[in-house]
Amino acid sequence: FAFDGKASEIHAAMLLAGFVPGAPGRWREVAAAGGSFSVESVAPSGNAVRVTIRLPDGHEFPIDHFARTAPIDATTAANPAPARFVFGGSRFQTDRKSGRERYLADGSGSLIGLVTFGDETIGAAEVVPDQAGVATPTWEVFSERMPTPGTRVTIMVNRIP
């Protein structure tokens, strides 16, 4: 799904609605013996949210309805697409050239992340690698369930108590 707007506008609307942001999931290097390092995931924080898609015919589906287990071999455990999300709130970073602070999700377009880039406004509650070289992909878009490109849908974000 594509969003025609700025992620920071959704962030501001969520703040006005009483949502509390935390921090997006991310990756951290950890020193290991012998001068090497390993990479570990840091889970996102923030209000738990439900992401639902309303199609033009009025039917509503959780966002994970539009993903399925990828074609994987029998030795790999199947993981469904993320179904739980949090309002991590992306993050701000100072632009090196202009010196101005910017909301990273505005530049990347990571409004709702099904994988973890570390800058998504709303992200999967579990850290999901964004590269096949880090972990075998275990889900994919369920293209047969996706609306025709160009179809306008409503994406609803509700806080989970």
N, C-alpha and C. Protein backbone atom coordinates (compact mmCIF):
# COMPACT_ATOMS: atom_id res chain seq x y z
N PHE A 1 0.85 -1.18 0.00
CA PHE A 1 0.00 0.00 0.00
C PHE A 1 0.89 1.23 0.00
N ALA A 2 0.47 2.26 -0.68
CA ALA A 2 1.22 3.51 -0.74
C ALA A 2 0.40 4.60 -0.06
N PHE A 3 1.10 5.53 0.56
CA PHE A 3 0.46 6.64 1.26
C PHE A 3 0.87 7.93 0.60
N ASP A 4 -0.09 8.78 0.27
CA ASP A 4 0.20 10.06 -0.37
C ASP A 4 0.18 11.14 0.70
N GLY A 5 1.27 11.30 1.38
CA GLY A 5 1.38 12.29 2.45
C GLY A 5 2.70 12.09 3.18
N LYS A 6 2.83 12.73 4.31
CA LYS A 6 4.04 12.63 5.11
C LYS A 6 3.78 11.79 6.35
N ALA A 7 4.72 10.92 6.65
CA ALA A 7 4.61 10.10 7.86
C ALA A 7 4.54 10.98 9.11
N SER A 8 5.22 12.12 9.09
CA SER A 8 5.21 13.02 10.25
C SER A 8 3.80 13.58 10.52
N GLU A 9 2.98 13.69 9.47
CA GLU A 9 1.60 14.15 9.66
C GLU A 9 0.78 13.09 10.39
N ILE A 10 1.01 11.83 10.07
CA ILE A 10 0.33 10.74 10.78
C ILE A 10 0.83 10.68 12.22
N HIS A 11 2.13 10.86 12.40
CA HIS A 11 2.70 10.89 13.76
C HIS A 11 2.02 11.98 14.58
N ALA A 12 1.90 13.18 14.02
CA ALA A 12 1.26 14.29 14.74
C ALA A 12 -0.20 13.98 15.05
N ALA A 13 -0.92 13.40 14.10
CA ALA A 13 -2.33 13.04 14.34
C ALA A 13 -2.44 12.00 15.45
N MET A 14 -1.52 11.06 15.47
CA MET A 14 -1.54 10.04 16.53
C MET A 14 -1.27 10.67 17.89
N LEU A 15 -0.36 11.62 17.95
CA LEU A 15 -0.10 12.32 19.21
C LEU A 15 -1.35 13.06 19.68
N LEU A 16 -2.02 13.75 18.75
CA LEU A 16 -3.26 14.46 19.09
C LEU A 16 -4.35 13.52 19.58
N ALA A 17 -4.34 12.28 19.09
CA ALA A 17 -5.34 11.29 19.50
C ALA A 17 -4.96 10.58 20.80
N GLY A 18 -3.80 10.94 21.36
CA GLY A 18 -3.41 10.38 22.65
C GLY A 18 -2.47 9.19 22.59
N PHE A 19 -2.01 8.82 21.41
CA PHE A 19 -1.04 7.73 21.30
C PHE A 19 0.30 8.19 21.88
N VAL A 20 1.05 7.26 22.44
CA VAL A 20 2.37 7.56 23.01
C VAL A 20 3.42 6.81 22.20
N PRO A 21 4.34 7.55 21.55
CA PRO A 21 5.37 6.87 20.77
C PRO A 21 6.47 6.32 21.67
N GLY A 22 7.19 5.38 21.13
CA GLY A 22 8.35 4.84 21.83
C GLY A 22 9.56 5.04 20.94
N ALA A 23 10.10 3.94 20.44
CA ALA A 23 11.24 3.98 19.53
C ALA A 23 11.10 2.82 18.55
N PRO A 24 11.51 3.03 17.30
CA PRO A 24 11.44 1.94 16.33
C PRO A 24 12.40 0.81 16.71
N GLY A 25 12.12 -0.38 16.19
CA GLY A 25 13.07 -1.48 16.36
C GLY A 25 14.36 -1.11 15.64
N ARG A 26 15.42 -1.77 16.02
CA ARG A 26 16.69 -1.45 15.37
C ARG A 26 17.68 -2.59 15.56
N TRP A 27 18.84 -2.39 14.99
CA TRP A 27 19.93 -3.35 15.07
C TRP A 27 21.08 -2.70 15.82
N ARG A 28 21.80 -3.49 16.62
CA ARG A 28 22.92 -2.95 17.40
C ARG A 28 24.10 -3.91 17.29
N GLU A 29 25.29 -3.34 17.09
CA GLU A 29 26.50 -4.15 17.06
C GLU A 29 26.95 -4.38 18.50
N VAL A 30 27.34 -5.63 18.79
CA VAL A 30 27.79 -6.00 20.12
C VAL A 30 29.18 -6.61 19.98
N ALA A 31 30.13 -6.07 20.75
CA ALA A 31 31.50 -6.58 20.69
C ALA A 31 31.54 -8.04 21.14
N ALA A 32 32.33 -8.82 20.45
CA ALA A 32 32.51 -10.23 20.79
C ALA A 32 33.99 -10.50 21.00
N ALA A 33 34.32 -11.68 21.45
CA ALA A 33 35.71 -12.05 21.70
C ALA A 33 36.54 -11.96 20.43
N GLY A 34 37.80 -11.62 20.59
CA GLY A 34 38.72 -11.58 19.46
C GLY A 34 38.56 -10.38 18.56
N GLY A 35 37.88 -9.34 19.02
CA GLY A 35 37.74 -8.12 18.23
C GLY A 35 36.62 -8.18 17.20
N SER A 36 35.91 -9.27 17.14
CA SER A 36 34.80 -9.35 16.20
C SER A 36 33.55 -8.76 16.86
N PHE A 37 32.47 -8.81 16.14
CA PHE A 37 31.22 -8.31 16.70
C PHE A 37 30.06 -9.12 16.15
N SER A 38 28.96 -9.04 16.84
CA SER A 38 27.74 -9.66 16.37
C SER A 38 26.66 -8.58 16.31
N VAL A 39 25.58 -8.88 15.64
CA VAL A 39 24.49 -7.93 15.52
C VAL A 39 23.28 -8.52 16.24
N GLU A 40 22.68 -7.73 17.10
CA GLU A 40 21.48 -8.18 17.79
C GLU A 40 20.36 -7.19 17.57
N SER A 41 19.17 -7.69 17.68
CA SER A 41 18.00 -6.83 17.46
C SER A 41 17.57 -6.18 18.77
N VAL A 42 17.02 -4.98 18.65
CA VAL A 42 16.45 -4.26 19.78
C VAL A 42 14.98 -4.04 19.43
N ALA A 43 14.11 -4.61 20.25
CA ALA A 43 12.67 -4.54 19.97
C ALA A 43 12.16 -3.10 20.01
N PRO A 44 11.15 -2.79 19.22
CA PRO A 44 10.55 -1.45 19.25
C PRO A 44 9.72 -1.28 20.53
N SER A 45 9.43 -0.04 20.83
CA SER A 45 8.56 0.25 21.98
C SER A 45 7.53 1.29 21.54
N GLY A 46 6.52 1.49 22.39
CA GLY A 46 5.45 2.44 22.09
C GLY A 46 4.10 1.76 22.25
N ASN A 47 3.05 2.54 22.10
CA ASN A 47 1.70 1.98 22.20
C ASN A 47 1.51 0.85 21.19
N ALA A 48 0.89 -0.23 21.65
CA ALA A 48 0.50 -1.31 20.74
C ALA A 48 -0.66 -0.82 19.89
N VAL A 49 -0.61 -1.11 18.59
CA VAL A 49 -1.66 -0.67 17.67
C VAL A 49 -2.12 -1.82 16.79
N ARG A 50 -3.34 -1.71 16.32
CA ARG A 50 -3.91 -2.64 15.35
C ARG A 50 -3.99 -1.89 14.03
N VAL A 51 -3.54 -2.51 12.96
CA VAL A 51 -3.59 -1.91 11.63
C VAL A 51 -4.60 -2.70 10.80
N THR A 52 -5.63 -2.01 10.33
CA THR A 52 -6.71 -2.63 9.57
C THR A 52 -6.89 -1.89 8.25
N ILE A 53 -7.17 -2.64 7.21
CA ILE A 53 -7.38 -2.08 5.88
C ILE A 53 -8.87 -2.20 5.53
N ARG A 54 -9.49 -1.07 5.15
CA ARG A 54 -10.88 -1.10 4.68
C ARG A 54 -10.87 -0.92 3.17
N LEU A 55 -11.44 -1.91 2.48
CA LEU A 55 -11.53 -1.87 1.03
C LEU A 55 -12.74 -1.04 0.61
N PRO A 56 -12.79 -0.62 -0.66
CA PRO A 56 -13.91 0.20 -1.13
C PRO A 56 -15.29 -0.45 -0.94
N ASP A 57 -15.35 -1.78 -0.92
CA ASP A 57 -16.64 -2.44 -0.73
C ASP A 57 -17.06 -2.51 0.74
N GLY A 58 -16.24 -1.95 1.64
CA GLY A 58 -16.56 -1.92 3.06
C GLY A 58 -15.96 -3.04 3.88
N HIS A 59 -15.44 -4.06 3.24
CA HIS A 59 -14.82 -5.16 3.97
C HIS A 59 -13.53 -4.67 4.64
N GLU A 60 -13.30 -5.12 5.86
CA GLU A 60 -12.10 -4.75 6.62
C GLU A 60 -11.29 -5.99 6.93
N PHE A 61 -9.96 -5.84 6.82
CA PHE A 61 -9.05 -6.95 7.08
C PHE A 61 -7.84 -6.44 7.86
N PRO A 62 -7.30 -7.27 8.77
CA PRO A 62 -6.03 -6.90 9.40
C PRO A 62 -4.95 -6.91 8.32
N ILE A 63 -3.94 -6.11 8.50
CA ILE A 63 -2.92 -5.96 7.45
C ILE A 63 -2.25 -7.28 7.10
N ASP A 64 -2.12 -8.19 8.07
CA ASP A 64 -1.46 -9.46 7.77
C ASP A 64 -2.30 -10.37 6.86
N HIS A 65 -3.55 -10.01 6.60
CA HIS A 65 -4.39 -10.74 5.64
C HIS A 65 -3.77 -10.66 4.23
N PHE A 66 -2.98 -9.64 3.99
CA PHE A 66 -2.42 -9.40 2.66
C PHE A 66 -1.01 -9.98 2.50
N ALA A 67 -0.64 -10.89 3.41
CA ALA A 67 0.66 -11.55 3.33
C ALA A 67 0.44 -13.04 3.59
N ARG A 68 1.38 -13.85 3.16
CA ARG A 68 1.28 -15.29 3.39
C ARG A 68 2.68 -15.85 3.59
N THR A 69 2.71 -17.08 4.09
CA THR A 69 3.98 -17.75 4.27
C THR A 69 4.64 -17.91 2.90
N ALA A 70 5.90 -17.58 2.85
CA ALA A 70 6.64 -17.67 1.59
C ALA A 70 6.87 -19.13 1.21
N PRO A 71 7.12 -19.38 -0.06
CA PRO A 71 7.50 -20.75 -0.44
C PRO A 71 8.87 -21.05 0.18
N ILE A 72 8.84 -21.84 1.22
CA ILE A 72 10.09 -22.17 1.92
C ILE A 72 10.24 -23.68 1.97
N ASP A 73 11.46 -24.15 2.23
CA ASP A 73 11.67 -25.59 2.25
C ASP A 73 11.28 -26.16 3.62
N ALA A 74 11.24 -27.46 3.71
CA ALA A 74 10.75 -28.14 4.90
C ALA A 74 11.66 -27.95 6.11
N THR A 75 12.90 -27.50 5.90
CA THR A 75 13.82 -27.34 7.04
C THR A 75 13.68 -25.98 7.71
N THR A 76 12.93 -25.08 7.12
CA THR A 76 12.77 -23.73 7.66
C THR A 76 11.42 -23.60 8.34
N ALA A 77 11.42 -23.08 9.55
CA ALA A 77 10.15 -22.87 10.25
C ALA A 77 9.40 -21.71 9.58
N ALA A 78 8.12 -21.89 9.38
CA ALA A 78 7.31 -20.85 8.74
C ALA A 78 6.89 -19.80 9.76
N ASN A 79 7.10 -18.56 9.44
CA ASN A 79 6.66 -17.45 10.29
C ASN A 79 5.65 -16.64 9.49
N PRO A 80 4.50 -16.38 10.07
CA PRO A 80 3.53 -15.54 9.36
C PRO A 80 4.01 -14.09 9.32
N ALA A 81 3.38 -13.31 8.50
CA ALA A 81 3.69 -11.87 8.44
C ALA A 81 3.36 -11.25 9.78
N PRO A 82 3.98 -10.13 10.11
CA PRO A 82 3.69 -9.47 11.38
C PRO A 82 2.20 -9.12 11.51
N ALA A 83 1.65 -9.38 12.67
CA ALA A 83 0.25 -9.04 12.94
C ALA A 83 0.14 -8.05 14.09
N ARG A 84 1.22 -7.91 14.86
CA ARG A 84 1.23 -6.98 15.99
C ARG A 84 2.18 -5.83 15.66
N PHE A 85 1.72 -4.60 15.99
CA PHE A 85 2.49 -3.41 15.65
C PHE A 85 2.56 -2.46 16.84
N VAL A 86 3.55 -1.58 16.81
CA VAL A 86 3.68 -0.54 17.84
C VAL A 86 3.95 0.81 17.19
N PHE A 87 3.58 1.86 17.90
CA PHE A 87 3.83 3.24 17.46
C PHE A 87 5.22 3.63 17.95
N GLY A 88 6.23 3.25 17.16
CA GLY A 88 7.61 3.57 17.51
C GLY A 88 7.91 5.05 17.32
N GLY A 89 7.27 5.67 16.34
CA GLY A 89 7.42 7.10 16.14
C GLY A 89 8.58 7.53 15.28
N SER A 90 9.18 6.63 14.51
CA SER A 90 10.34 6.95 13.69
C SER A 90 11.39 7.64 14.55
N ARG A 91 12.15 8.56 13.99
CA ARG A 91 13.12 9.31 14.78
C ARG A 91 13.57 10.52 13.97
N PHE A 92 14.18 11.44 14.67
CA PHE A 92 14.68 12.65 14.05
C PHE A 92 16.19 12.55 13.92
N GLN A 93 16.70 13.14 12.84
CA GLN A 93 18.14 13.15 12.62
C GLN A 93 18.51 14.48 11.99
N THR A 94 19.65 15.01 12.37
CA THR A 94 20.12 16.26 11.80
C THR A 94 20.78 15.99 10.46
N ASP A 95 20.32 16.68 9.41
CA ASP A 95 20.88 16.55 8.08
C ASP A 95 22.28 17.15 8.09
N ARG A 96 23.26 16.39 7.60
CA ARG A 96 24.66 16.85 7.62
C ARG A 96 24.89 18.08 6.75
N LYS A 97 24.20 18.16 5.62
CA LYS A 97 24.42 19.29 4.72
C LYS A 97 23.74 20.55 5.20
N SER A 98 22.44 20.44 5.53
CA SER A 98 21.68 21.65 5.88
C SER A 98 21.71 21.99 7.36
N GLY A 99 22.04 20.99 8.20
CA GLY A 99 22.01 21.22 9.64
C GLY A 99 20.60 21.21 10.21
N ARG A 100 19.61 20.94 9.37
CA ARG A 100 18.21 20.93 9.81
C ARG A 100 17.83 19.54 10.29
N GLU A 101 16.98 19.52 11.29
CA GLU A 101 16.48 18.25 11.80
C GLU A 101 15.36 17.77 10.89
N ARG A 102 15.34 16.46 10.62
CA ARG A 102 14.29 15.92 9.76
C ARG A 102 13.75 14.62 10.34
N TYR A 103 12.50 14.35 10.04
CA TYR A 103 11.81 13.13 10.47
C TYR A 103 12.16 12.06 9.45
N LEU A 104 12.87 11.04 9.87
CA LEU A 104 13.41 10.07 8.92
C LEU A 104 12.34 9.36 8.08
N ALA A 105 11.20 9.04 8.66
CA ALA A 105 10.16 8.34 7.89
C ALA A 105 9.61 9.19 6.76
N ASP A 106 9.71 10.52 6.86
CA ASP A 106 9.28 11.38 5.76
C ASP A 106 10.14 11.14 4.52
N GLY A 107 11.41 10.89 4.73
CA GLY A 107 12.32 10.67 3.61
C GLY A 107 12.29 9.26 3.07
N SER A 108 12.13 8.29 3.96
CA SER A 108 12.17 6.88 3.54
C SER A 108 10.81 6.36 3.10
N GLY A 109 9.74 6.97 3.59
CA GLY A 109 8.40 6.48 3.29
C GLY A 109 7.97 5.34 4.18
N SER A 110 8.70 5.09 5.26
CA SER A 110 8.38 3.97 6.16
C SER A 110 7.29 4.36 7.16
N LEU A 111 6.06 4.42 6.69
CA LEU A 111 4.96 4.75 7.57
C LEU A 111 4.60 3.54 8.43
N ILE A 112 4.31 2.40 7.81
CA ILE A 112 4.02 1.16 8.52
C ILE A 112 4.99 0.11 8.00
N GLY A 113 5.87 -0.34 8.87
CA GLY A 113 6.91 -1.28 8.44
C GLY A 113 6.57 -2.72 8.78
N LEU A 114 6.55 -3.57 7.76
CA LEU A 114 6.40 -5.01 7.99
C LEU A 114 7.75 -5.66 8.24
N VAL A 115 8.82 -4.95 7.92
CA VAL A 115 10.18 -5.34 8.28
C VAL A 115 10.80 -4.17 9.01
N THR A 116 11.93 -4.42 9.67
CA THR A 116 12.54 -3.40 10.52
C THR A 116 13.68 -2.69 9.79
N PHE A 117 13.45 -1.42 9.47
CA PHE A 117 14.50 -0.58 8.92
C PHE A 117 15.08 0.31 10.01
N GLY A 118 14.29 0.59 11.06
CA GLY A 118 14.75 1.43 12.16
C GLY A 118 14.27 2.86 12.06
N ASP A 119 13.41 3.15 11.07
CA ASP A 119 12.91 4.52 10.93
C ASP A 119 11.40 4.57 10.72
N GLU A 120 10.72 3.43 10.84
CA GLU A 120 9.29 3.39 10.59
C GLU A 120 8.50 4.07 11.70
N THR A 121 7.41 4.75 11.33
CA THR A 121 6.54 5.40 12.30
C THR A 121 5.79 4.34 13.10
N ILE A 122 5.23 3.36 12.41
CA ILE A 122 4.56 2.22 13.04
C ILE A 122 5.30 0.99 12.54
N GLY A 123 5.72 0.13 13.45
CA GLY A 123 6.50 -1.03 13.03
C GLY A 123 6.02 -2.31 13.67
N ALA A 124 6.43 -3.41 13.07
CA ALA A 124 6.12 -4.72 13.63
C ALA A 124 6.65 -4.79 15.05
N ALA A 125 5.89 -5.43 15.94
CA ALA A 125 6.28 -5.52 17.35
C ALA A 125 7.54 -6.36 17.54
N GLU A 126 7.79 -7.27 16.61
CA GLU A 126 9.02 -8.05 16.64
C GLU A 126 9.96 -7.49 15.57
N VAL A 127 11.24 -7.57 15.82
CA VAL A 127 12.21 -7.11 14.82
C VAL A 127 12.25 -8.15 13.70
N VAL A 128 12.00 -7.68 12.47
CA VAL A 128 11.96 -8.55 11.30
C VAL A 128 13.05 -8.05 10.34
N PRO A 129 14.06 -8.89 10.05
CA PRO A 129 15.14 -8.46 9.15
C PRO A 129 14.62 -8.01 7.79
N ASP A 130 15.26 -6.97 7.25
CA ASP A 130 14.87 -6.43 5.95
C ASP A 130 15.73 -6.98 4.82
N GLN A 131 16.67 -7.86 5.14
CA GLN A 131 17.57 -8.37 4.10
C GLN A 131 17.57 -9.89 4.13
N ALA A 132 17.47 -10.50 2.96
CA ALA A 132 17.48 -11.96 2.85
C ALA A 132 18.82 -12.54 3.30
N GLY A 133 19.89 -11.74 3.25
CA GLY A 133 21.20 -12.20 3.69
C GLY A 133 21.30 -12.34 5.20
N VAL A 134 20.41 -11.72 5.92
CA VAL A 134 20.41 -11.78 7.39
C VAL A 134 19.55 -12.94 7.88
N ALA A 135 18.41 -13.12 7.27
CA ALA A 135 17.50 -14.21 7.64
C ALA A 135 16.69 -14.60 6.40
N THR A 136 16.38 -15.86 6.30
CA THR A 136 15.60 -16.34 5.17
C THR A 136 14.21 -15.70 5.20
N PRO A 137 13.78 -15.10 4.10
CA PRO A 137 12.41 -14.54 4.08
C PRO A 137 11.39 -15.64 4.32
N THR A 138 10.43 -15.36 5.18
CA THR A 138 9.44 -16.38 5.52
C THR A 138 8.02 -15.97 5.17
N TRP A 139 7.83 -14.79 4.61
CA TRP A 139 6.50 -14.40 4.15
C TRP A 139 6.65 -13.48 2.95
N GLU A 140 5.55 -13.35 2.23
CA GLU A 140 5.53 -12.53 1.02
C GLU A 140 4.15 -11.92 0.85
N VAL A 141 4.04 -10.96 -0.04
CA VAL A 141 2.75 -10.34 -0.33
C VAL A 141 1.83 -11.39 -0.93
N PHE A 142 0.60 -11.44 -0.45
CA PHE A 142 -0.42 -12.34 -0.98
C PHE A 142 -1.09 -11.57 -2.11
N SER A 143 -0.48 -11.57 -3.28
CA SER A 143 -0.91 -10.71 -4.39
C SER A 143 -2.35 -10.95 -4.81
N GLU A 144 -2.84 -12.17 -4.65
CA GLU A 144 -4.22 -12.46 -5.05
C GLU A 144 -5.23 -11.72 -4.18
N ARG A 145 -4.84 -11.32 -2.98
CA ARG A 145 -5.74 -10.61 -2.07
C ARG A 145 -5.61 -9.09 -2.14
N MET A 146 -4.58 -8.63 -2.83
CA MET A 146 -4.36 -7.18 -2.91
C MET A 146 -5.35 -6.55 -3.87
N PRO A 147 -5.83 -5.34 -3.53
CA PRO A 147 -6.69 -4.64 -4.47
C PRO A 147 -5.89 -4.24 -5.71
N THR A 148 -6.57 -3.98 -6.79
CA THR A 148 -5.94 -3.55 -8.03
C THR A 148 -5.12 -2.29 -7.76
N PRO A 149 -3.90 -2.19 -8.31
CA PRO A 149 -3.11 -0.98 -8.11
C PRO A 149 -3.92 0.27 -8.46
N GLY A 150 -3.82 1.28 -7.63
CA GLY A 150 -4.56 2.52 -7.82
C GLY A 150 -5.85 2.58 -7.03
N THR A 151 -6.29 1.43 -6.48
CA THR A 151 -7.50 1.41 -5.66
C THR A 151 -7.25 2.15 -4.36
N ARG A 152 -8.15 3.06 -4.02
CA ARG A 152 -8.03 3.79 -2.75
C ARG A 152 -8.63 2.95 -1.64
N VAL A 153 -7.84 2.76 -0.58
CA VAL A 153 -8.30 2.04 0.60
C VAL A 153 -8.14 2.95 1.81
N THR A 154 -8.75 2.57 2.91
CA THR A 154 -8.59 3.31 4.16
C THR A 154 -7.75 2.44 5.09
N ILE A 155 -6.69 3.02 5.62
CA ILE A 155 -5.86 2.31 6.58
C ILE A 155 -6.19 2.88 7.95
N MET A 156 -6.63 2.01 8.85
CA MET A 156 -7.03 2.43 10.18
C MET A 156 -6.02 1.94 11.21
N VAL A 157 -5.67 2.83 12.12
CA VAL A 157 -4.74 2.50 13.19
C VAL A 157 -5.46 2.74 14.51
N ASN A 158 -5.63 1.68 15.28
CA ASN A 158 -6.30 1.79 16.57
C ASN A 158 -5.37 1.33 17.69
N ARG A 159 -5.43 2.02 18.80
CA ARG A 159 -4.62 1.65 19.96
C ARG A 159 -5.22 0.40 20.58
N ILE A 160 -4.34 -0.53 20.99
CA ILE A 160 -4.76 -1.71 21.70
C ILE A 160 -4.52 -1.46 23.18
N PRO A 161 -5.58 -1.59 23.98
CA PRO A 161 -5.40 -1.31 25.42
C PRO A 161 -4.45 -2.30 26.09
